[in-house]
Amino acid sequence: MNKLAVTVKFIGVFRSVSGKAKTTLSFEDTVSLKEALKKIVEQIPKLERALIDSELEDPRPNTLILVNGKEISILNGLETIIRDGDEVVFIPVVHGG
């Protein structure tokens, strides 16, 4: 089986923290967004604090995540399946107060 290539883009503070605008991940097979997120954090450990809410252990409160231009809440959330050629974009959400 061929490896899958997934493009991951970082916007705003995620770009600053990761030091890159985008990266490509390879997977043996289709994976969930949750599994892809683990691999991103393994490859770029600095992103863990920026991407993952430490209390909830969930990226969503601070992050808008798009898969192929669609927000994951209208897809299947963190269980959204990532396939070859997909593009995942992480956009920081700023909460005022």
Protein backbone atom coordinates (compact mmCIF):
# COMPACT_ATOMS: atom_id res chain seq x y z
CA MET A 1 0.00 0.00 0.00
CA ASN A 2 1.25 3.49 -0.82
CA LYS A 3 1.84 5.99 1.92
CA LEU A 4 -0.61 8.83 2.21
CA ALA A 5 0.61 12.41 2.04
CA VAL A 6 -1.33 15.03 3.97
CA THR A 7 -0.54 18.76 3.86
CA VAL A 8 -0.80 20.58 7.18
CA LYS A 9 -0.89 24.40 7.23
CA PHE A 10 -0.36 26.62 10.26
CA ILE A 11 -1.87 30.10 10.48
CA GLY A 12 -1.01 32.95 12.88
CA VAL A 13 0.46 31.97 16.24
CA PHE A 14 0.72 28.31 15.15
CA ARG A 15 3.01 29.39 12.32
CA SER A 16 5.16 31.35 14.79
CA VAL A 17 5.34 28.48 17.29
CA SER A 18 6.02 25.76 14.72
CA GLY A 19 8.45 27.92 12.75
CA LYS A 20 6.81 26.84 9.52
CA ALA A 21 3.81 27.74 7.41
CA LYS A 22 3.19 24.17 6.35
CA THR A 23 4.43 20.62 6.57
CA THR A 24 3.59 17.30 4.97
CA LEU A 25 2.78 14.21 7.00
CA SER A 26 2.95 10.64 5.77
CA PHE A 27 0.72 7.86 7.00
CA GLU A 28 0.54 4.17 6.14
CA ASP A 29 -3.23 4.26 5.84
CA THR A 30 -6.18 6.60 6.35
CA VAL A 31 -6.22 8.01 9.89
CA SER A 32 -8.55 10.07 12.03
CA LEU A 33 -7.81 13.73 12.60
CA LYS A 34 -7.11 12.84 16.25
CA GLU A 35 -4.34 10.41 15.17
CA ALA A 36 -2.94 12.98 12.73
CA LEU A 37 -2.87 15.56 15.53
CA LYS A 38 -0.78 13.19 17.70
CA LYS A 39 1.72 12.82 14.88
CA ILE A 40 1.92 16.60 14.35
CA VAL A 41 2.66 17.13 18.05
CA GLU A 42 5.27 14.34 17.98
CA GLN A 43 7.01 15.98 15.02
CA ILE A 44 6.71 19.55 16.35
CA PRO A 45 6.54 19.25 20.17
CA LYS A 46 6.40 23.03 20.65
CA LEU A 47 2.91 22.97 19.14
CA GLU A 48 1.44 20.86 21.92
CA ARG A 49 0.92 23.75 24.35
CA ALA A 50 -0.32 26.06 21.59
CA LEU A 51 -2.67 23.54 19.98
CA ILE A 52 -3.98 21.42 22.85
CA ASP A 53 -6.02 22.75 25.75
CA SER A 54 -4.20 21.17 28.72
CA GLU A 55 -7.30 20.89 30.91
CA LEU A 56 -9.51 19.41 28.22
CA GLU A 57 -6.73 17.68 26.26
CA ASP A 58 -8.62 18.83 23.21
CA PRO A 59 -7.57 21.31 20.52
CA ARG A 60 -10.97 22.70 19.69
CA PRO A 61 -11.52 25.50 22.23
CA ASN A 62 -8.55 27.48 20.90
CA THR A 63 -8.34 26.22 17.34
CA LEU A 64 -10.39 26.29 14.19
CA ILE A 65 -9.49 23.16 12.24
CA LEU A 66 -10.34 22.85 8.57
CA VAL A 67 -10.07 19.69 6.48
CA ASN A 68 -10.17 20.50 2.76
CA GLY A 69 -11.68 23.90 3.56
CA LYS A 70 -14.47 22.57 5.80
CA GLU A 71 -14.63 23.21 9.54
CA ILE A 72 -14.44 19.87 11.38
CA SER A 73 -17.63 20.49 13.36
CA ILE A 74 -19.62 20.01 10.13
CA LEU A 75 -17.60 16.90 9.30
CA ASN A 76 -16.94 14.27 11.95
CA GLY A 77 -14.99 16.33 14.50
CA LEU A 78 -11.73 14.75 15.65
CA GLU A 79 -12.90 11.46 14.16
CA THR A 80 -12.88 12.97 10.64
CA ILE A 81 -10.95 10.59 8.39
CA ILE A 82 -7.87 12.05 6.73
CA ARG A 83 -7.06 10.67 3.28
CA ASP A 84 -4.25 10.98 0.75
CA GLY A 85 -3.95 14.50 -0.62
CA ASP A 86 -6.08 16.10 2.09
CA GLU A 87 -5.20 19.51 3.50
CA VAL A 88 -5.57 20.24 7.23
CA VAL A 89 -5.38 23.87 8.37
CA PHE A 90 -5.00 25.04 11.98
CA ILE A 91 -6.26 28.57 12.67
CA PRO A 92 -5.97 30.11 16.16
CA VAL A 93 -9.14 31.47 17.73
CA VAL A 94 -8.73 34.53 19.92
CA HIS A 95 -11.23 34.85 22.74
CA GLY A 96 -11.87 38.39 23.93
CA GLY A 97 -12.93 39.30 27.40
